[in-house]
Amino acid sequence: MTAFMPVTLRFCDNKTMLVGSIAQAATALRRQWPDKTATAYLDAARLVRLAIDGSCRQRVAFEAFTKAAGQQGLLVTKPRSRAHEWLDAAAGP
Protein backbone atom coordinates (compact mmCIF):
# COMPACT_ATOMS: atom_id res chain seq x y z
CA MET A 1 0.00 0.00 0.00
CA THR A 2 1.23 3.47 -0.82
CA ALA A 3 1.37 6.39 1.59
CA PHE A 4 -0.27 8.79 -0.88
CA MET A 5 -2.64 8.66 -3.81
CA PRO A 6 -0.24 7.36 -6.48
CA VAL A 7 0.63 9.50 -9.48
CA THR A 8 2.01 8.24 -12.77
CA LEU A 9 4.95 10.04 -14.35
CA ARG A 10 6.21 9.79 -17.92
CA PHE A 11 9.88 10.78 -18.09
CA CYS A 12 11.90 12.20 -20.98
CA ASP A 13 12.98 8.69 -21.99
CA ASN A 14 9.24 7.85 -22.36
CA LYS A 15 9.36 5.39 -19.43
CA THR A 16 6.62 5.60 -16.82
CA MET A 17 6.69 5.17 -13.07
CA LEU A 18 3.94 4.94 -10.47
CA VAL A 19 4.87 7.04 -7.42
CA GLY A 20 2.97 6.80 -4.15
CA SER A 21 5.58 7.22 -1.41
CA ILE A 22 8.49 9.45 -0.44
CA ALA A 23 10.97 6.65 -1.20
CA GLN A 24 9.49 6.29 -4.69
CA ALA A 25 9.56 10.07 -5.14
CA ALA A 26 13.28 10.08 -4.30
CA THR A 27 13.84 7.40 -6.94
CA ALA A 28 11.76 9.33 -9.48
CA LEU A 29 13.76 12.50 -8.86
CA ARG A 30 16.87 10.64 -10.03
CA ARG A 31 15.26 9.80 -13.38
CA GLN A 32 15.22 11.96 -16.54
CA TRP A 33 13.47 15.28 -16.00
CA PRO A 34 13.29 18.10 -18.57
CA ASP A 35 14.91 20.66 -16.23
CA LYS A 36 16.67 19.61 -13.05
CA THR A 37 17.67 23.24 -12.43
CA ALA A 38 14.06 24.45 -12.14
CA THR A 39 13.15 25.96 -8.79
CA ALA A 40 10.21 23.60 -8.23
CA TYR A 41 12.41 20.56 -8.95
CA LEU A 42 15.14 21.76 -6.58
CA ASP A 43 12.56 22.50 -3.86
CA ALA A 44 11.00 19.05 -4.28
CA ALA A 45 14.38 17.32 -4.15
CA ARG A 46 15.30 19.22 -0.98
CA LEU A 47 11.97 18.52 0.74
CA VAL A 48 12.01 14.83 -0.21
CA ARG A 49 15.50 14.51 1.30
CA LEU A 50 14.29 16.28 4.46
CA ALA A 51 11.23 14.01 4.65
CA ILE A 52 13.47 10.94 4.42
CA ASP A 53 15.60 12.38 7.23
CA GLY A 54 12.44 13.01 9.27
CA SER A 55 12.75 16.78 9.46
CA CYS A 56 9.92 17.56 6.99
CA ARG A 57 6.37 16.28 6.84
CA GLN A 58 6.00 13.70 4.11
CA ARG A 59 2.77 15.27 2.86
CA VAL A 60 4.56 18.60 2.25
CA ALA A 61 7.37 16.87 0.37
CA PHE A 62 5.02 14.77 -1.76
CA GLU A 63 2.95 17.82 -2.69
CA ALA A 64 6.13 19.66 -3.73
CA PHE A 65 7.12 16.62 -5.78
CA THR A 66 3.79 16.42 -7.62
CA LYS A 67 3.86 20.19 -8.20
CA ALA A 68 7.32 19.93 -9.79
CA ALA A 69 6.25 16.98 -11.93
CA GLY A 70 3.16 18.86 -13.07
CA GLN A 71 5.11 21.98 -13.97
CA GLN A 72 7.47 19.92 -16.11
CA GLY A 73 4.67 18.05 -17.85
CA LEU A 74 5.55 14.64 -16.41
CA LEU A 75 2.19 13.83 -14.80
CA VAL A 76 0.11 11.34 -16.75
CA THR A 77 -3.55 12.24 -16.44
CA LYS A 78 -6.13 9.52 -16.49
CA PRO A 79 -9.86 9.94 -17.03
CA ARG A 80 -11.93 9.80 -13.88
CA SER A 81 -13.54 6.44 -13.23
CA ARG A 82 -17.29 5.95 -12.86
CA ALA A 83 -16.70 5.26 -9.19
CA HIS A 84 -15.18 8.73 -8.74
CA GLU A 85 -18.13 10.30 -10.56
CA TRP A 86 -20.55 8.38 -8.37
CA LEU A 87 -18.76 9.40 -5.16
CA ASP A 88 -18.66 13.05 -6.27
CA ALA A 89 -22.38 12.92 -7.02
CA ALA A 90 -23.14 11.27 -3.66
CA ALA A 91 -21.08 13.85 -1.78
CA GLY A 92 -22.62 16.82 -3.60
CA PRO A 93 -25.69 18.81 -2.53
PDB file of N, CA and C in Angstrom:
ATOM      1  N   MET A   1       0.844  -1.183   0.000  1.00  0.00           N
ATOM      2  CA  MET A   1       0.000   0.000   0.000  1.00  0.00           C
ATOM      3  C   MET A   1       0.886   1.242   0.000  1.00  0.00           C
ATOM      4  N   THR A   2       0.461   2.242  -0.730  1.00  0.00           N
ATOM      5  CA  THR A   2       1.232   3.470  -0.818  1.00  0.00           C
ATOM      6  C   THR A   2       0.798   4.457   0.254  1.00  0.00           C
ATOM      7  N   ALA A   3       1.671   5.392   0.572  1.00  0.00           N
ATOM      8  CA  ALA A   3       1.367   6.388   1.588  1.00  0.00           C
ATOM      9  C   ALA A   3       0.457   7.483   1.046  1.00  0.00           C
ATOM     10  N   PHE A   4       0.505   7.721  -0.260  1.00  0.00           N
ATOM     11  CA  PHE A   4      -0.270   8.794  -0.884  1.00  0.00           C
ATOM     12  C   PHE A   4      -1.015   8.240  -2.090  1.00  0.00           C
ATOM     13  N   MET A   5      -1.964   9.035  -2.581  1.00  0.00           N
ATOM     14  CA  MET A   5      -2.645   8.659  -3.811  1.00  0.00           C
ATOM     15  C   MET A   5      -1.587   8.630  -4.909  1.00  0.00           C
ATOM     16  N   PRO A   6      -1.330   7.477  -5.504  1.00  0.00           N
ATOM     17  CA  PRO A   6      -0.237   7.363  -6.481  1.00  0.00           C
ATOM     18  C   PRO A   6      -0.461   8.241  -7.710  1.00  0.00           C
ATOM     19  N   VAL A   7       0.644   8.743  -8.231  1.00  0.00           N
ATOM     20  CA  VAL A   7       0.628   9.499  -9.484  1.00  0.00           C
ATOM     21  C   VAL A   7       1.536   8.765 -10.469  1.00  0.00           C
ATOM     22  N   THR A   8       1.192   8.854 -11.734  1.00  0.00           N
ATOM     23  CA  THR A   8       2.009   8.241 -12.775  1.00  0.00           C
ATOM     24  C   THR A   8       2.789   9.332 -13.482  1.00  0.00           C
ATOM     25  N   LEU A   9       4.090   9.097 -13.640  1.00  0.00           N
ATOM     26  CA  LEU A   9       4.947  10.044 -14.348  1.00  0.00           C
ATOM     27  C   LEU A   9       5.453   9.404 -15.629  1.00  0.00           C
ATOM     28  N   ARG A  10       5.570  10.224 -16.675  1.00  0.00           N
ATOM     29  CA  ARG A  10       6.215   9.785 -17.915  1.00  0.00           C
ATOM     30  C   ARG A  10       7.439  10.670 -18.100  1.00  0.00           C
ATOM     31  N   PHE A  11       8.615  10.046 -18.045  1.00  0.00           N
ATOM     32  CA  PHE A  11       9.877  10.779 -18.092  1.00  0.00           C
ATOM     33  C   PHE A  11      10.301  11.067 -19.527  1.00  0.00           C
ATOM     34  N   CYS A  12      11.384  11.810 -19.660  1.00  0.00           N
ATOM     35  CA  CYS A  12      11.905  12.203 -20.979  1.00  0.00           C
ATOM     36  C   CYS A  12      12.264  11.010 -21.849  1.00  0.00           C
ATOM     37  N   ASP A  13      12.637   9.896 -21.224  1.00  0.00           N
ATOM     38  CA  ASP A  13      12.977   8.694 -21.991  1.00  0.00           C
ATOM     39  C   ASP A  13      11.739   7.864 -22.325  1.00  0.00           C
ATOM     40  N   ASN A  14      10.546   8.446 -22.079  1.00  0.00           N
ATOM     41  CA  ASN A  14       9.241   7.852 -22.361  1.00  0.00           C
ATOM     42  C   ASN A  14       8.905   6.666 -21.457  1.00  0.00           C
ATOM     43  N   LYS A  15       9.668   6.441 -20.400  1.00  0.00           N
ATOM     44  CA  LYS A  15       9.357   5.392 -19.433  1.00  0.00           C
ATOM     45  C   LYS A  15       8.436   5.982 -18.375  1.00  0.00           C
ATOM     46  N   THR A  16       7.555   5.144 -17.837  1.00  0.00           N
ATOM     47  CA  THR A  16       6.620   5.603 -16.820  1.00  0.00           C
ATOM     48  C   THR A  16       6.974   4.986 -15.471  1.00  0.00           C
ATOM     49  N   MET A  17       6.473   5.650 -14.431  1.00  0.00           N
ATOM     50  CA  MET A  17       6.691   5.169 -13.065  1.00  0.00           C
ATOM     51  C   MET A  17       5.501   5.586 -12.216  1.00  0.00           C
ATOM     52  N   LEU A  18       4.995   4.663 -11.420  1.00  0.00           N
ATOM     53  CA  LEU A  18       3.937   4.941 -10.466  1.00  0.00           C
ATOM     54  C   LEU A  18       4.598   5.335  -9.149  1.00  0.00           C
ATOM     55  N   VAL A  19       4.238   6.504  -8.635  1.00  0.00           N
ATOM     56  CA  VAL A  19       4.866   7.041  -7.423  1.00  0.00           C
ATOM     57  C   VAL A  19       3.787   7.284  -6.371  1.00  0.00           C
ATOM     58  N   GLY A  20       3.950   6.645  -5.211  1.00  0.00           N
ATOM     59  CA  GLY A  20       2.968   6.802  -4.148  1.00  0.00           C
ATOM     60  C   GLY A  20       3.587   6.900  -2.766  1.00  0.00           C
ATOM     61  N   SER A  21       4.904   7.105  -2.704  1.00  0.00           N
ATOM     62  CA  SER A  21       5.577   7.223  -1.413  1.00  0.00           C
ATOM     63  C   SER A  21       6.776   8.154  -1.559  1.00  0.00           C
ATOM     64  N   ILE A  22       7.316   8.571  -0.428  1.00  0.00           N
ATOM     65  CA  ILE A  22       8.487   9.449  -0.441  1.00  0.00           C
ATOM     66  C   ILE A  22       9.696   8.695  -1.007  1.00  0.00           C
ATOM     67  N   ALA A  23       9.850   7.431  -0.669  1.00  0.00           N
ATOM     68  CA  ALA A  23      10.969   6.645  -1.200  1.00  0.00           C
ATOM     69  C   ALA A  23      10.875   6.552  -2.722  1.00  0.00           C
ATOM     70  N   GLN A  24       9.671   6.339  -3.246  1.00  0.00           N
ATOM     71  CA  GLN A  24       9.487   6.285  -4.694  1.00  0.00           C
ATOM     72  C   GLN A  24       9.715   7.654  -5.328  1.00  0.00           C
ATOM     73  N   ALA A  25       9.323   8.718  -4.635  1.00  0.00           N
ATOM     74  CA  ALA A  25       9.564  10.074  -5.141  1.00  0.00           C
ATOM     75  C   ALA A  25      11.060  10.346  -5.245  1.00  0.00           C
ATOM     76  N   ALA A  26      11.820   9.900  -4.257  1.00  0.00           N
ATOM     77  CA  ALA A  26      13.279  10.078  -4.296  1.00  0.00           C
ATOM     78  C   ALA A  26      13.873   9.347  -5.497  1.00  0.00           C
ATOM     79  N   THR A  27      13.374   8.153  -5.770  1.00  0.00           N
ATOM     80  CA  THR A  27      13.840   7.400  -6.940  1.00  0.00           C
ATOM     81  C   THR A  27      13.459   8.134  -8.226  1.00  0.00           C
ATOM     82  N   ALA A  28      12.241   8.624  -8.286  1.00  0.00           N
ATOM     83  CA  ALA A  28      11.762   9.329  -9.477  1.00  0.00           C
ATOM     84  C   ALA A  28      12.565  10.601  -9.742  1.00  0.00           C
ATOM     85  N   LEU A  29      12.978  11.277  -8.695  1.00  0.00           N
ATOM     86  CA  LEU A  29      13.759  12.502  -8.859  1.00  0.00           C
ATOM     87  C   LEU A  29      15.132  12.230  -9.487  1.00  0.00           C
ATOM     88  N   ARG A  30      15.585  11.005  -9.414  1.00  0.00           N
ATOM     89  CA  ARG A  30      16.874  10.643 -10.026  1.00  0.00           C
ATOM     90  C   ARG A  30      16.726  10.242 -11.493  1.00  0.00           C
ATOM     91  N   ARG A  31      15.506  10.162 -11.981  1.00  0.00           N
ATOM     92  CA  ARG A  31      15.261   9.796 -13.382  1.00  0.00           C
ATOM     93  C   ARG A  31      15.426  11.018 -14.280  1.00  0.00           C
ATOM     94  N   GLN A  32      15.061  10.879 -15.563  1.00  0.00           N
ATOM     95  CA  GLN A  32      15.225  11.961 -16.536  1.00  0.00           C
ATOM     96  C   GLN A  32      14.080  12.957 -16.461  1.00  0.00           C
ATOM     97  N   TRP A  33      14.418  14.175 -16.059  1.00  0.00           N
ATOM     98  CA  TRP A  33      13.469  15.283 -16.000  1.00  0.00           C
ATOM     99  C   TRP A  33      13.881  16.315 -17.051  1.00  0.00           C
ATOM    100  N   PRO A  34      12.934  17.082 -17.575  1.00  0.00           N
ATOM    101  CA  PRO A  34      13.286  18.100 -18.567  1.00  0.00           C
ATOM    102  C   PRO A  34      14.261  19.152 -18.030  1.00  0.00           C
ATOM    103  N   ASP A  35      14.066  19.593 -16.770  1.00  0.00           N
ATOM    104  CA  ASP A  35      14.911  20.662 -16.226  1.00  0.00           C
ATOM    105  C   ASP A  35      15.171  20.436 -14.738  1.00  0.00           C
ATOM    106  N   LYS A  36      16.321  19.860 -14.449  1.00  0.00           N
ATOM    107  CA  LYS A  36      16.674  19.608 -13.046  1.00  0.00           C
ATOM    108  C   LYS A  36      17.223  20.859 -12.353  1.00  0.00           C
ATOM    109  N   THR A  37      17.252  21.983 -13.056  1.00  0.00           N
ATOM    110  CA  THR A  37      17.673  23.239 -12.435  1.00  0.00           C
ATOM    111  C   THR A  37      16.473  24.122 -12.079  1.00  0.00           C
ATOM    112  N   ALA A  38      15.271  23.685 -12.428  1.00  0.00           N
ATOM    113  CA  ALA A  38      14.058  24.453 -12.141  1.00  0.00           C
ATOM    114  C   ALA A  38      13.848  24.562 -10.632  1.00  0.00           C
ATOM    115  N   THR A  39      13.361  25.704 -10.210  1.00  0.00           N
ATOM    116  CA  THR A  39      13.148  25.964  -8.787  1.00  0.00           C
ATOM    117  C   THR A  39      12.245  24.914  -8.142  1.00  0.00           C
ATOM    118  N   ALA A  40      11.143  24.579  -8.801  1.00  0.00           N
ATOM    119  CA  ALA A  40      10.209  23.600  -8.228  1.00  0.00           C
ATOM    120  C   ALA A  40      10.872  22.230  -8.067  1.00  0.00           C
ATOM    121  N   TYR A  41      11.697  21.838  -9.043  1.00  0.00           N
ATOM    122  CA  TYR A  41      12.406  20.564  -8.946  1.00  0.00           C
ATOM    123  C   TYR A  41      13.385  20.583  -7.767  1.00  0.00           C
ATOM    124  N   LEU A  42      14.158  21.653  -7.661  1.00  0.00           N
ATOM    125  CA  LEU A  42      15.139  21.758  -6.579  1.00  0.00           C
ATOM    126  C   LEU A  42      14.453  21.774  -5.215  1.00  0.00           C
ATOM    127  N   ASP A  43      13.319  22.481  -5.114  1.00  0.00           N
ATOM    128  CA  ASP A  43      12.556  22.501  -3.858  1.00  0.00           C
ATOM    129  C   ASP A  43      12.051  21.102  -3.517  1.00  0.00           C
ATOM    130  N   ALA A  44      11.519  20.404  -4.521  1.00  0.00           N
ATOM    131  CA  ALA A  44      10.997  19.054  -4.283  1.00  0.00           C
ATOM    132  C   ALA A  44      12.112  18.111  -3.845  1.00  0.00           C
ATOM    133  N   ALA A  45      13.260  18.190  -4.509  1.00  0.00           N
ATOM    134  CA  ALA A  45      14.378  17.323  -4.150  1.00  0.00           C
ATOM    135  C   ALA A  45      14.831  17.588  -2.716  1.00  0.00           C
ATOM    136  N   ARG A  46      14.883  18.855  -2.339  1.00  0.00           N
ATOM    137  CA  ARG A  46      15.302  19.218  -0.977  1.00  0.00           C
ATOM    138  C   ARG A  46      14.292  18.713   0.051  1.00  0.00           C
ATOM    139  N   LEU A  47      13.001  18.924  -0.217  1.00  0.00           N
ATOM    140  CA  LEU A  47      11.965  18.520   0.742  1.00  0.00           C
ATOM    141  C   LEU A  47      11.850  17.002   0.846  1.00  0.00           C
ATOM    142  N   VAL A  48      12.039  16.296  -0.258  1.00  0.00           N
ATOM    143  CA  VAL A  48      12.011  14.826  -0.205  1.00  0.00           C
ATOM    144  C   VAL A  48      13.172  14.320   0.642  1.00  0.00           C
ATOM    145  N   ARG A  49      14.356  14.906   0.460  1.00  0.00           N
ATOM    146  CA  ARG A  49      15.503  14.509   1.304  1.00  0.00           C
ATOM    147  C   ARG A  49      15.208  14.779   2.779  1.00  0.00           C
ATOM    148  N   LEU A  50      14.617  15.946   3.075  1.00  0.00           N
ATOM    149  CA  LEU A  50      14.294  16.284   4.464  1.00  0.00           C
ATOM    150  C   LEU A  50      13.236  15.336   5.030  1.00  0.00           C
ATOM    151  N   ALA A  51      12.276  14.943   4.199  1.00  0.00           N
ATOM    152  CA  ALA A  51      11.235  14.008   4.651  1.00  0.00           C
ATOM    153  C   ALA A  51      11.848  12.644   4.968  1.00  0.00           C
ATOM    154  N   ILE A  52      12.789  12.211   4.161  1.00  0.00           N
ATOM    155  CA  ILE A  52      13.470  10.942   4.424  1.00  0.00           C
ATOM    156  C   ILE A  52      14.246  11.027   5.728  1.00  0.00           C
ATOM    157  N   ASP A  53      14.855  12.180   5.985  1.00  0.00           N
ATOM    158  CA  ASP A  53      15.602  12.383   7.232  1.00  0.00           C
ATOM    159  C   ASP A  53      14.680  12.573   8.443  1.00  0.00           C
ATOM    160  N   GLY A  54      13.400  12.833   8.189  1.00  0.00           N
ATOM    161  CA  GLY A  54      12.444  13.014   9.275  1.00  0.00           C
ATOM    162  C   GLY A  54      12.284  14.440   9.750  1.00  0.00           C
ATOM    163  N   SER A  55      12.856  15.391   9.022  1.00  0.00           N
ATOM    164  CA  SER A  55      12.747  16.784   9.458  1.00  0.00           C
ATOM    165  C   SER A  55      11.767  17.594   8.601  1.00  0.00           C
ATOM    166  N   CYS A  56      10.971  16.921   7.784  1.00  0.00           N
ATOM    167  CA  CYS A  56       9.923  17.565   6.988  1.00  0.00           C
ATOM    168  C   CYS A  56       8.747  16.603   6.923  1.00  0.00           C
ATOM    169  N   ARG A  57       7.551  17.140   6.962  1.00  0.00           N
ATOM    170  CA  ARG A  57       6.374  16.280   6.843  1.00  0.00           C
ATOM    171  C   ARG A  57       6.325  15.671   5.448  1.00  0.00           C
ATOM    172  N   GLN A  58       6.040  14.396   5.392  1.00  0.00           N
ATOM    173  CA  GLN A  58       6.000  13.695   4.108  1.00  0.00           C
ATOM    174  C   GLN A  58       4.965  14.285   3.170  1.00  0.00           C
ATOM    175  N   ARG A  59       3.833  14.693   3.692  1.00  0.00           N
ATOM    176  CA  ARG A  59       2.770  15.270   2.861  1.00  0.00           C
ATOM    177  C   ARG A  59       3.282  16.518   2.133  1.00  0.00           C
ATOM    178  N   VAL A  60       4.011  17.373   2.846  1.00  0.00           N
ATOM    179  CA  VAL A  60       4.556  18.603   2.250  1.00  0.00           C
ATOM    180  C   VAL A  60       5.524  18.249   1.123  1.00  0.00           C
ATOM    181  N   ALA A  61       6.389  17.282   1.371  1.00  0.00           N
ATOM    182  CA  ALA A  61       7.373  16.869   0.374  1.00  0.00           C
ATOM    183  C   ALA A  61       6.699  16.256  -0.852  1.00  0.00           C
ATOM    184  N   PHE A  62       5.690  15.426  -0.631  1.00  0.00           N
ATOM    185  CA  PHE A  62       5.020  14.773  -1.757  1.00  0.00           C
ATOM    186  C   PHE A  62       4.257  15.787  -2.597  1.00  0.00           C
ATOM    187  N   GLU A  63       3.645  16.772  -1.944  1.00  0.00           N
ATOM    188  CA  GLU A  63       2.947  17.823  -2.688  1.00  0.00           C
ATOM    189  C   GLU A  63       3.930  18.645  -3.522  1.00  0.00           C
ATOM    190  N   ALA A  64       5.095  18.943  -2.972  1.00  0.00           N
ATOM    191  CA  ALA A  64       6.126  19.664  -3.734  1.00  0.00           C
ATOM    192  C   ALA A  64       6.586  18.824  -4.921  1.00  0.00           C
ATOM    193  N   PHE A  65       6.710  17.526  -4.715  1.00  0.00           N
ATOM    194  CA  PHE A  65       7.117  16.616  -5.778  1.00  0.00           C
ATOM    195  C   PHE A  65       6.094  16.609  -6.909  1.00  0.00           C
ATOM    196  N   THR A  66       4.818  16.461  -6.573  1.00  0.00           N
ATOM    197  CA  THR A  66       3.790  16.417  -7.618  1.00  0.00           C
ATOM    198  C   THR A  66       3.672  17.774  -8.317  1.00  0.00           C
ATOM    199  N   LYS A  67       3.880  18.859  -7.589  1.00  0.00           N
ATOM    200  CA  LYS A  67       3.862  20.190  -8.204  1.00  0.00           C
ATOM    201  C   LYS A  67       4.983  20.304  -9.236  1.00  0.00           C
ATOM    202  N   ALA A  68       6.180  19.869  -8.873  1.00  0.00           N
ATOM    203  CA  ALA A  68       7.321  19.927  -9.791  1.00  0.00           C
ATOM    204  C   ALA A  68       7.067  19.058 -11.024  1.00  0.00           C
ATOM    205  N   ALA A  69       6.540  17.876 -10.806  1.00  0.00           N
ATOM    206  CA  ALA A  69       6.248  16.977 -11.928  1.00  0.00           C
ATOM    207  C   ALA A  69       5.195  17.586 -12.848  1.00  0.00           C
ATOM    208  N   GLY A  70       4.193  18.216 -12.263  1.00  0.00           N
ATOM    209  CA  GLY A  70       3.158  18.859 -13.067  1.00  0.00           C
ATOM    210  C   GLY A  70       3.699  20.023 -13.880  1.00  0.00           C
ATOM    211  N   GLN A  71       4.545  20.836 -13.258  1.00  0.00           N
ATOM    212  CA  GLN A  71       5.114  21.982 -13.966  1.00  0.00           C
ATOM    213  C   GLN A  71       5.983  21.553 -15.140  1.00  0.00           C
ATOM    214  N   GLN A  72       6.599  20.388 -15.034  1.00  0.00           N
ATOM    215  CA  GLN A  72       7.473  19.925 -16.109  1.00  0.00           C
ATOM    216  C   GLN A  72       6.760  18.989 -17.084  1.00  0.00           C
ATOM    217  N   GLY A  73       5.459  18.839 -16.911  1.00  0.00           N
ATOM    218  CA  GLY A  73       4.668  18.046 -17.847  1.00  0.00           C
ATOM    219  C   GLY A  73       4.887  16.542 -17.752  1.00  0.00           C
ATOM    220  N   LEU A  74       5.280  16.073 -16.585  1.00  0.00           N
ATOM    221  CA  LEU A  74       5.548  14.644 -16.413  1.00  0.00           C
ATOM    222  C   LEU A  74       4.340  13.861 -15.904  1.00  0.00           C
ATOM    223  N   LEU A  75       3.347  14.530 -15.351  1.00  0.00           N
ATOM    224  CA  LEU A  75       2.187  13.827 -14.802  1.00  0.00           C
ATOM    225  C   LEU A  75       1.327  13.255 -15.922  1.00  0.00           C
ATOM    226  N   VAL A  76       1.000  11.993 -15.798  1.00  0.00           N
ATOM    227  CA  VAL A  76       0.108  11.337 -16.750  1.00  0.00           C
ATOM    228  C   VAL A  76      -1.293  11.443 -16.185  1.00  0.00           C
ATOM    229  N   THR A  77      -2.176  12.093 -16.916  1.00  0.00           N
ATOM    230  CA  THR A  77      -3.553  12.240 -16.439  1.00  0.00           C
ATOM    231  C   THR A  77      -4.386  11.085 -16.977  1.00  0.00           C
ATOM    232  N   LYS A  78      -5.243  10.613 -16.121  1.00  0.00           N
ATOM    233  CA  LYS A  78      -6.128   9.521 -16.492  1.00  0.00           C
ATOM    234  C   LYS A  78      -7.560  10.003 -16.336  1.00  0.00           C
ATOM    235  N   PRO A  79      -8.459   9.534 -17.186  1.00  0.00           N
ATOM    236  CA  PRO A  79      -9.856   9.940 -17.034  1.00  0.00           C
ATOM    237  C   PRO A  79     -10.417   9.426 -15.706  1.00  0.00           C
ATOM    238  N   ARG A  80     -11.312  10.210 -15.142  1.00  0.00           N
ATOM    239  CA  ARG A  80     -11.931   9.801 -13.883  1.00  0.00           C
ATOM    240  C   ARG A  80     -12.792   8.563 -14.107  1.00  0.00           C
ATOM    241  N   SER A  81     -12.752   7.670 -13.127  1.00  0.00           N
ATOM    242  CA  SER A  81     -13.541   6.444 -13.235  1.00  0.00           C
ATOM    243  C   SER A  81     -15.003   6.736 -12.888  1.00  0.00           C
ATOM    244  N   ARG A  82     -15.869   5.807 -13.219  1.00  0.00           N
ATOM    245  CA  ARG A  82     -17.290   5.951 -12.864  1.00  0.00           C
ATOM    246  C   ARG A  82     -17.466   5.985 -11.352  1.00  0.00           C
ATOM    247  N   ALA A  83     -16.614   5.265 -10.649  1.00  0.00           N
ATOM    248  CA  ALA A  83     -16.699   5.261  -9.187  1.00  0.00           C
ATOM    249  C   ALA A  83     -16.434   6.657  -8.631  1.00  0.00           C
ATOM    250  N   HIS A  84     -15.437   7.361  -9.180  1.00  0.00           N
ATOM    251  CA  HIS A  84     -15.177   8.732  -8.740  1.00  0.00           C
ATOM    252  C   HIS A  84     -16.371   9.627  -9.031  1.00  0.00           C
ATOM    253  N   GLU A  85     -16.954   9.492 -10.212  1.00  0.00           N
ATOM    254  CA  GLU A  85     -18.126  10.302 -10.560  1.00  0.00           C
ATOM    255  C   GLU A  85     -19.283  10.006  -9.605  1.00  0.00           C
ATOM    256  N   TRP A  86     -19.476   8.745  -9.269  1.00  0.00           N
ATOM    257  CA  TRP A  86     -20.549   8.377  -8.368  1.00  0.00           C
ATOM    258  C   TRP A  86     -20.306   8.958  -6.976  1.00  0.00           C
ATOM    259  N   LEU A  87     -19.077   8.854  -6.483  1.00  0.00           N
ATOM    260  CA  LEU A  87     -18.759   9.400  -5.164  1.00  0.00           C
ATOM    261  C   LEU A  87     -18.902  10.924  -5.133  1.00  0.00           C
ATOM    262  N   ASP A  88     -18.476  11.598  -6.199  1.00  0.00           N
ATOM    263  CA  ASP A  88     -18.657  13.048  -6.271  1.00  0.00           C
ATOM    264  C   ASP A  88     -20.138  13.412  -6.242  1.00  0.00           C
ATOM    265  N   ALA A  89     -20.954  12.653  -6.986  1.00  0.00           N
ATOM    266  CA  ALA A  89     -22.384  12.920  -7.025  1.00  0.00           C
ATOM    267  C   ALA A  89     -23.016  12.657  -5.649  1.00  0.00           C
ATOM    268  N   ALA A  90     -22.588  11.601  -4.975  1.00  0.00           N
ATOM    269  CA  ALA A  90     -23.135  11.272  -3.662  1.00  0.00           C
ATOM    270  C   ALA A  90     -22.748  12.295  -2.612  1.00  0.00           C
ATOM    271  N   ALA A  91     -21.555  12.883  -2.756  1.00  0.00           N
ATOM    272  CA  ALA A  91     -21.079  13.853  -1.777  1.00  0.00           C
ATOM    273  C   ALA A  91     -21.639  15.251  -2.031  1.00  0.00           C
ATOM    274  N   GLY A  92     -22.133  15.477  -3.232  1.00  0.00           N
ATOM    275  CA  GLY A  92     -22.624  16.819  -3.602  1.00  0.00           C
ATOM    276  C   GLY A  92     -23.962  17.133  -2.966  1.00  0.00           C
ATOM    277  N   PRO A  93     -24.405  18.378  -3.130  1.00  0.00           N
ATOM    278  CA  PRO A  93     -25.687  18.806  -2.532  1.00  0.00           C
ATOM    279  C   PRO A  93     -26.891  18.183  -3.157  1.00  0.00           C
TER     280      PRO A  93
END
